[in-house]
């Protein structure tokens, strides 16, 4: 094996000796293009520059976007599932706070807004409801004087929560070209509108669960209600904090949002308040359905118990009627009746004996009936 390796090495050196400088330059160009192509294929981050005249176009890198921003206007850096190193580079290039970058990499943060000297940091949640499963993806936004940075797709399992808003801005920038605050309003408005689809899907399942509870409570699975309740609690938690974010924005706590943009953010606040009320109503409905399900099950169990009690009652009555008859029949079966009446009179005495037993049975039945009616009246 060592001899074969040495021979292969010698052949490779001999081949390299015949490669000219032009060939090396071609190889270098090829590998450079391959590296660039691979980086574009692996990364789905997009960067844009909005010129002072309203022109909107994409750029290839963050550095190119920063250079373009020096000509005026503002830039939008939209990162999709970026590596940690790429986000940490924003600390120097865009002067974002290191703690904000750490929050971007942690997908378990609650929605919030934080003010920094150079930017405002906002965390929002995007909802996706697929295959009876609620997914909550974190959206991070950095709003500055002449830039907007959005970070999404971290630990999102392939979901792309901002793809729709990118298409909207690319096809018709409209209000977004006015400034970074207006662009952020477009992004937040899209995220909030998408929440309604998830809430509607949950409400459809809730309606189906209600029908199942009423139609066949015995076959209904209460785990479905618990799953819906868990999702609604998560929705309420996110909507509550997001509503607080919009409250702070609307009272102009953010220095990077001009007063004329506040009216658009108020519309987002109205939608969030509406969705929050919907989740509250749905949570109460889940609680009511659980109580209804429990009540229906109790009614069924009570009915089964009553049926059992009635069966036992009938058996008890039959046993009570036959107890004296059994005693009399056992005595008569020991020839005591024949001894009293004489053996020659058995043709007459036994029918009289049977008739007497029938009379006793009827009297016992009526006595039991009278006692039951009196006990029912007392109750």
Protein backbone atom coordinates (compact mmCIF):
# COMPACT_ATOMS: atom_id res chain seq x y z
CA UNK A 1 0.00 0.00 0.00
CA UNK A 2 2.78 2.60 0.73
CA UNK A 3 4.38 1.85 -2.68
CA UNK A 4 1.04 2.47 -4.44
CA UNK A 5 0.55 5.77 -2.62
CA UNK A 6 4.06 6.95 -3.54
CA UNK A 7 3.48 6.03 -7.19
CA UNK A 8 0.21 7.97 -7.28
CA UNK A 9 1.93 10.98 -5.74
CA UNK A 10 4.69 10.92 -8.38
CA UNK A 11 2.12 10.74 -11.18
CA UNK A 12 0.23 13.71 -9.73
CA UNK A 13 3.43 15.78 -9.52
CA UNK A 14 4.29 14.91 -13.12
CA UNK A 15 0.82 16.00 -14.28
CA UNK A 16 1.03 19.27 -12.36
CA UNK A 17 4.33 20.09 -14.05
CA UNK A 18 2.50 20.25 -17.40
CA UNK A 19 -0.16 22.71 -16.14
CA UNK A 20 0.45 26.24 -17.33
CA UNK A 21 -0.25 29.48 -15.45
CA UNK A 22 -3.31 30.02 -17.64
CA UNK A 23 -4.68 26.68 -16.51
CA UNK A 24 -4.16 27.69 -12.88
CA UNK A 25 -6.03 30.94 -13.44
CA UNK A 26 -8.90 29.03 -15.03
CA UNK A 27 -9.03 26.65 -12.09
CA UNK A 28 -8.97 29.56 -9.66
CA UNK A 29 -11.82 31.29 -11.48
CA UNK A 30 -13.80 28.06 -11.57
CA UNK A 31 -13.47 27.42 -7.83
CA UNK A 32 -14.28 31.04 -7.02
CA UNK A 33 -17.47 30.91 -9.08
CA UNK A 34 -18.37 27.57 -7.54
CA UNK A 35 -17.90 29.02 -4.06
CA UNK A 36 -20.06 32.04 -4.85
CA UNK A 37 -22.75 29.88 -6.43
CA UNK A 38 -22.74 27.54 -3.45
CA UNK A 39 -23.09 30.44 -1.00
CA UNK A 40 -26.11 31.74 -2.90
CA UNK A 41 -27.62 28.27 -3.08
CA UNK A 42 -27.20 27.68 0.66
CA UNK A 43 -28.29 31.12 1.83
CA UNK A 44 -31.75 32.56 1.27
CA UNK A 45 -31.01 35.92 2.88
CA UNK A 46 -31.86 38.94 0.75
CA UNK A 47 -30.62 42.52 0.95
CA UNK A 48 -32.20 45.63 -0.58
CA UNK A 49 -31.51 49.31 -1.00
CA UNK A 50 -34.20 51.97 -1.20
CA UNK A 51 -32.75 55.06 -2.87
CA UNK A 52 -33.84 58.61 -1.95
CA UNK A 53 -35.78 58.78 -5.22
CA UNK A 54 -37.82 55.69 -4.27
CA UNK A 55 -35.87 53.24 -6.43
CA UNK A 56 -35.87 49.75 -4.94
CA UNK A 57 -33.32 47.11 -5.90
CA UNK A 58 -31.51 44.12 -4.44
CA UNK A 59 -27.83 43.92 -3.59
CA UNK A 60 -25.56 40.90 -3.18
CA UNK A 61 -24.13 41.36 0.31
CA UNK A 62 -24.37 43.27 3.55
CA UNK A 63 -21.23 45.21 2.70
CA UNK A 64 -22.68 46.28 -0.63
CA UNK A 65 -25.91 47.35 1.09
CA UNK A 66 -24.00 49.43 3.65
CA UNK A 67 -22.05 51.09 0.85
CA UNK A 68 -25.27 51.85 -1.03
CA UNK A 69 -26.84 53.38 2.09
CA UNK A 70 -24.10 56.01 2.15
CA UNK A 71 -25.62 57.41 -1.05
CA UNK A 72 -28.86 58.09 0.82
CA UNK A 73 -32.11 56.27 1.36
CA UNK A 74 -32.19 53.20 3.57
CA UNK A 75 -31.47 49.47 3.40
CA UNK A 76 -33.36 46.32 4.31
CA UNK A 77 -31.30 43.33 5.42
CA UNK A 78 -33.50 40.25 5.56
CA UNK A 79 -31.66 37.26 7.04
CA UNK A 80 -33.10 33.77 6.73
CA UNK A 81 -31.61 31.18 9.09
CA UNK A 82 -28.24 32.93 9.20
CA UNK A 83 -25.22 31.42 10.97
CA UNK A 84 -24.25 32.92 14.32
CA UNK A 85 -21.08 34.42 12.85
CA UNK A 86 -23.07 36.40 10.30
CA UNK A 87 -25.30 37.89 12.97
CA UNK A 88 -22.38 38.68 15.24
CA UNK A 89 -20.79 40.63 12.38
CA UNK A 90 -23.71 43.09 12.63
CA UNK A 91 -22.43 44.21 16.03
CA UNK A 92 -19.59 46.09 14.32
CA UNK A 93 -21.06 46.85 10.91
CA UNK A 94 -24.54 47.99 12.05
CA UNK A 95 -23.83 48.76 15.73
CA UNK A 96 -26.52 46.43 17.04
CA UNK A 97 -26.28 45.39 20.66
CA UNK A 98 -24.69 41.98 21.43
CA UNK A 99 -27.59 41.05 23.73
CA UNK A 100 -30.01 41.55 20.85
CA UNK A 101 -27.97 39.20 18.70
CA UNK A 102 -28.11 36.59 21.46
CA UNK A 103 -31.89 37.00 21.60
CA UNK A 104 -32.06 36.36 17.86
CA UNK A 105 -30.27 33.04 18.29
CA UNK A 106 -32.62 32.01 21.13
CA UNK A 107 -35.95 30.96 19.63
CA UNK A 108 -37.72 30.77 23.02
CA UNK A 109 -37.92 34.52 23.61
CA UNK A 110 -41.28 36.17 24.29
CA UNK A 111 -42.30 39.15 22.11
CA UNK A 112 -40.79 42.38 23.38
CA UNK A 113 -39.43 45.78 22.37
CA UNK A 114 -36.13 47.26 23.56
CA UNK A 115 -34.60 50.66 22.89
CA UNK A 116 -30.91 51.10 22.12
CA UNK A 117 -28.99 54.24 21.13
CA UNK A 118 -28.68 53.22 17.50
CA UNK A 119 -31.79 51.09 16.96
CA UNK A 120 -34.99 49.65 18.32
CA UNK A 121 -35.11 45.89 18.76
CA UNK A 122 -38.46 44.10 18.38
CA UNK A 123 -39.34 40.41 18.71
CA UNK A 124 -42.57 39.23 17.08
CA UNK A 125 -44.09 35.78 16.55
CA UNK A 126 -45.43 34.30 13.32
CA UNK A 127 -48.12 31.61 13.54
CA UNK A 128 -48.48 28.65 11.19
CA UNK A 129 -51.12 25.95 11.65
CA UNK A 130 -50.46 22.80 9.62
CA UNK A 131 -51.68 19.21 10.10
CA UNK A 132 -53.36 20.06 13.41
CA UNK A 133 -50.10 21.45 14.77
CA UNK A 134 -49.40 25.06 15.73
CA UNK A 135 -45.93 26.35 14.89
CA UNK A 136 -44.67 29.62 16.36
CA UNK A 137 -41.64 31.14 14.63
CA UNK A 138 -39.70 34.07 16.01
CA UNK A 139 -39.22 37.20 13.90
CA UNK A 140 -36.54 39.66 15.03
CA UNK A 141 -36.47 43.25 13.78
CA UNK A 142 -33.85 45.98 14.19
CA UNK A 143 -35.15 49.41 13.26
CA UNK A 144 -32.65 52.23 12.81
CA UNK A 145 -32.56 55.64 11.26
CA UNK A 146 -31.65 54.36 7.81
CA UNK A 147 -32.02 50.58 8.03
CA UNK A 148 -34.32 47.73 8.87
CA UNK A 149 -32.91 44.31 9.72
CA UNK A 150 -35.19 41.28 9.89
CA UNK A 151 -34.07 37.86 11.10
CA UNK A 152 -36.27 34.80 10.59
CA UNK A 153 -36.08 31.07 9.93
CA UNK A 154 -33.86 30.18 12.91
CA UNK A 155 -34.94 26.70 14.08
CA UNK A 156 -38.04 26.99 11.87
CA UNK A 157 -37.68 23.52 10.29
CA UNK A 158 -37.87 24.91 6.76
CA UNK A 159 -40.79 27.29 7.31
CA UNK A 160 -40.37 30.73 5.73
CA UNK A 161 -42.58 33.15 7.64
CA UNK A 162 -41.51 36.27 5.69
CA UNK A 163 -41.61 34.88 2.16
CA UNK A 164 -45.00 36.44 1.51
CA UNK A 165 -44.01 39.94 2.61
CA UNK A 166 -40.86 39.77 0.47
CA UNK A 167 -43.02 39.07 -2.57
CA UNK A 168 -45.34 41.94 -1.64
CA UNK A 169 -42.49 44.44 -1.30
CA UNK A 170 -40.73 43.23 -4.44
CA UNK A 171 -43.88 43.45 -6.56
CA UNK A 172 -45.22 46.71 -5.14
CA UNK A 173 -43.03 48.58 -2.63
CA UNK A 174 -45.72 51.21 -2.18
CA UNK A 175 -45.66 52.59 1.35
CA UNK A 176 -42.53 50.57 2.21
CA UNK A 177 -40.27 52.86 0.17
CA UNK A 178 -41.22 55.83 2.38
CA UNK A 179 -38.80 54.82 5.15
CA UNK A 180 -37.63 51.95 7.36
CA UNK A 181 -40.44 52.55 9.87
CA UNK A 182 -43.05 52.19 7.14
CA UNK A 183 -41.31 49.07 5.87
CA UNK A 184 -41.45 47.61 9.38
CA UNK A 185 -45.15 48.42 9.48
CA UNK A 186 -45.65 46.45 6.25
CA UNK A 187 -43.74 43.48 7.72
CA UNK A 188 -45.67 43.52 11.00
CA UNK A 189 -48.99 43.95 9.21
CA UNK A 190 -48.27 40.87 7.10
CA UNK A 191 -47.27 38.83 10.17
CA UNK A 192 -50.43 39.85 12.04
CA UNK A 193 -52.68 39.08 9.06
CA UNK A 194 -51.17 35.60 8.83
CA UNK A 195 -52.13 35.01 12.46
CA UNK A 196 -55.79 35.12 11.47
CA UNK A 197 -55.40 32.01 9.31
CA UNK A 198 -54.04 30.04 12.26
CA UNK A 199 -56.82 31.32 14.55
CA UNK A 200 -59.49 30.46 11.97
CA UNK A 201 -58.11 26.93 11.63
CA UNK A 202 -58.22 26.48 15.40
CA UNK A 203 -61.79 27.77 15.54
CA UNK A 204 -62.82 25.31 12.80
CA UNK A 205 -61.39 22.46 14.85
CA UNK A 206 -63.11 23.81 17.94
CA UNK A 207 -66.45 23.79 16.12
CA UNK A 208 -65.86 20.21 15.00
CA UNK A 209 -65.02 19.23 18.56
CA UNK A 210 -68.28 20.78 19.76
CA UNK A 211 -70.27 18.70 17.25
CA UNK A 212 -68.45 15.53 18.32
CA UNK A 213 -69.15 16.20 22.00
CA UNK A 214 -72.86 16.72 21.39
CA UNK A 215 -73.33 13.86 18.92
CA UNK A 216 -71.28 11.13 20.59
CA UNK A 217 -69.74 12.07 23.93
CA UNK A 218 -68.73 8.48 24.68
CA UNK A 219 -66.47 8.30 21.60
CA UNK A 220 -65.07 11.81 21.98
CA UNK A 221 -61.41 12.18 22.97
CA UNK A 222 -60.92 14.91 25.61
CA UNK A 223 -57.23 15.07 24.63
CA UNK A 224 -58.35 17.02 21.55
CA UNK A 225 -59.74 19.76 23.77
CA UNK A 226 -56.57 19.82 25.85
CA UNK A 227 -54.49 20.17 22.68
CA UNK A 228 -56.60 23.08 21.46
CA UNK A 229 -56.47 24.71 24.88
CA UNK A 230 -52.67 24.47 24.90
CA UNK A 231 -52.46 26.13 21.48
CA UNK A 232 -54.85 28.89 22.52
CA UNK A 233 -52.80 29.57 25.65
CA UNK A 234 -49.68 29.94 23.48
CA UNK A 235 -51.54 32.26 21.12
CA UNK A 236 -52.83 34.37 23.96
CA UNK A 237 -49.36 34.65 25.48
CA UNK A 238 -47.84 35.87 22.21
CA UNK A 239 -50.72 38.23 21.40
CA UNK A 240 -50.66 39.76 24.87
CA UNK A 241 -46.99 40.75 24.60
CA UNK A 242 -47.33 41.86 20.99
CA UNK A 243 -50.23 44.09 21.94
CA UNK A 244 -48.02 45.70 24.57
CA UNK A 245 -45.37 46.32 21.91
CA UNK A 246 -47.87 48.16 19.74
CA UNK A 247 -49.05 50.18 22.74
CA UNK A 248 -45.49 51.44 23.27
CA UNK A 249 -45.08 52.20 19.58
CA UNK A 250 -48.38 54.06 19.34
CA UNK A 251 -47.52 56.27 22.28
CA UNK A 252 -44.31 57.18 20.40
CA UNK A 253 -41.82 55.50 22.72
CA UNK A 254 -39.72 54.54 19.69
CA UNK A 255 -37.58 57.46 18.41
CA UNK A 256 -37.10 55.85 14.99
CA UNK A 257 -40.81 55.80 14.11
CA UNK A 258 -42.14 59.18 12.87
CA UNK A 259 -45.51 60.48 13.95
CA UNK A 260 -47.07 60.07 10.51
CA UNK A 261 -46.35 56.33 10.66
CA UNK A 262 -48.16 55.88 13.99
CA UNK A 263 -51.57 55.78 12.28
CA UNK A 264 -50.56 52.66 10.38
CA UNK A 265 -49.31 50.96 13.54
CA UNK A 266 -52.63 51.72 15.24
CA UNK A 267 -54.33 49.55 12.63
CA UNK A 268 -52.03 46.67 13.59
CA UNK A 269 -52.88 47.26 17.25
CA UNK A 270 -56.60 47.00 16.43
CA UNK A 271 -56.05 43.65 14.73
CA UNK A 272 -54.01 42.32 17.64
CA UNK A 273 -56.67 43.44 20.13
CA UNK A 274 -59.32 41.67 18.05
CA UNK A 275 -57.31 38.46 17.83
CA UNK A 276 -56.61 38.58 21.55
CA UNK A 277 -60.35 38.75 22.27
CA UNK A 278 -60.93 35.85 19.87
CA UNK A 279 -58.45 33.67 21.72
CA UNK A 280 -60.06 34.60 25.05
CA UNK A 281 -63.48 33.62 23.69
CA UNK A 282 -62.13 30.37 22.28
CA UNK A 283 -60.46 29.51 25.58
CA UNK A 284 -63.76 30.01 27.41
CA UNK A 285 -65.45 27.84 24.78
CA UNK A 286 -62.92 25.05 25.37
CA UNK A 287 -63.61 25.25 29.11
CA UNK A 288 -67.37 25.14 28.48
CA UNK A 289 -67.00 22.15 26.16
CA UNK A 290 -64.96 20.31 28.77
CA UNK A 291 -67.65 20.98 31.37
CA UNK A 292 -70.35 19.90 28.90
CA UNK A 293 -68.43 16.73 28.08
CA UNK A 294 -68.10 15.91 31.78
CA UNK A 295 -71.79 16.62 32.36
CA UNK A 296 -72.87 14.41 29.46
CA UNK A 297 -70.67 11.58 30.70
CA UNK A 298 -72.13 11.95 34.20
CA UNK A 299 -75.62 11.83 32.73
CA UNK A 300 -74.80 8.64 30.87
CA UNK A 301 -73.29 7.08 33.98
CA UNK A 302 -76.35 8.13 36.01
CA UNK A 303 -78.65 6.57 33.42
CA UNK A 304 -76.68 3.34 33.51
CA UNK A 305 -76.81 3.39 37.31
CA UNK A 306 -80.58 3.95 37.26
CA UNK A 307 -81.04 1.08 34.82
CA UNK A 308 -79.01 -1.17 37.12
CA UNK A 309 -81.04 -0.06 40.14
CA UNK A 310 -84.29 -0.80 38.32
CA UNK A 311 -83.06 -4.26 37.40
CA UNK A 312 -82.05 -4.97 40.98
CA UNK A 313 -85.38 -3.58 42.13
CA UNK A 314 -87.33 -5.94 39.89
CA UNK A 315 -85.25 -8.90 40.99
CA UNK A 316 -85.74 -7.95 44.64
CA UNK A 317 -89.50 -7.75 44.17
CA UNK A 318 -89.57 -11.18 42.53
CA UNK A 319 -87.46 -12.63 45.33
CA UNK A 320 -89.65 -11.02 47.98
CA UNK A 321 -92.82 -12.45 46.42
CA UNK A 322 -91.39 -15.95 46.14
CA UNK A 323 -89.86 -16.10 49.62
CA UNK A 324 -93.15 -16.97 51.44
CA UNK A 325 -94.22 -19.17 48.55
CA UNK A 326 -90.94 -21.06 48.75
CA UNK A 327 -91.46 -21.58 52.48
CA UNK A 328 -95.00 -22.85 52.03
CA UNK A 329 -94.01 -25.05 49.08
CA UNK A 330 -91.12 -26.54 51.04
CA UNK A 331 -93.43 -27.41 53.94
CA UNK A 332 -96.09 -28.80 51.68
CA UNK A 333 -93.50 -30.75 49.73
CA UNK A 334 -92.59 -32.69 52.87
CA UNK A 335 -96.08 -34.34 52.85
CA UNK A 336 -97.26 -32.16 55.73
CA UNK A 337 -100.24 -31.02 53.69
CA UNK A 338 -101.24 -34.57 52.82
CA UNK A 339 -101.00 -35.60 56.45
CA UNK A 340 -103.36 -32.75 57.43
CA UNK A 341 -105.94 -33.34 54.71
CA UNK A 342 -105.63 -37.06 54.23
CA UNK A 343 -104.17 -38.91 51.33
CA UNK A 344 -107.55 -39.65 49.77
CA UNK A 345 -108.28 -35.86 49.40
CA UNK A 346 -105.14 -34.92 47.47
CA UNK A 347 -107.10 -34.13 44.27
CA UNK A 348 -108.92 -31.36 46.11
CA UNK A 349 -106.35 -30.28 48.68
CA UNK A 350 -103.44 -29.56 46.30
CA UNK A 351 -105.38 -27.21 43.99
CA UNK A 352 -106.55 -25.37 47.11
CA UNK A 353 -102.94 -25.27 48.28
CA UNK A 354 -101.74 -23.79 44.95
CA UNK A 355 -104.58 -21.26 44.91
CA UNK A 356 -103.64 -20.18 48.42
CA UNK A 357 -100.07 -19.64 47.30
CA UNK A 358 -101.30 -17.49 44.40
CA UNK A 359 -103.41 -15.37 46.75
CA UNK A 360 -100.44 -14.87 49.07
CA UNK A 361 -98.26 -13.82 46.09
CA UNK A 362 -100.83 -11.25 44.94
CA UNK A 363 -101.22 -9.86 48.45
CA UNK A 364 -97.41 -9.60 48.81
CA UNK A 365 -97.11 -7.78 45.46
CA UNK A 366 -99.74 -5.20 46.39
CA UNK A 367 -98.22 -4.67 49.82
CA UNK A 368 -94.78 -3.98 48.23
CA UNK A 369 -96.37 -1.60 45.72
CA UNK A 370 -98.16 0.35 48.45
CA UNK A 371 -94.96 0.63 50.51
CA UNK A 372 -92.98 1.95 47.48
CA UNK A 373 -95.63 4.58 46.70
CA UNK A 374 -95.60 5.81 50.30
CA UNK A 375 -91.78 6.03 50.31
CA UNK A 376 -91.84 8.02 47.05
CA UNK A 377 -94.37 10.46 48.54
CA UNK A 378 -92.19 10.92 51.62
CA UNK A 379 -89.20 11.76 49.40
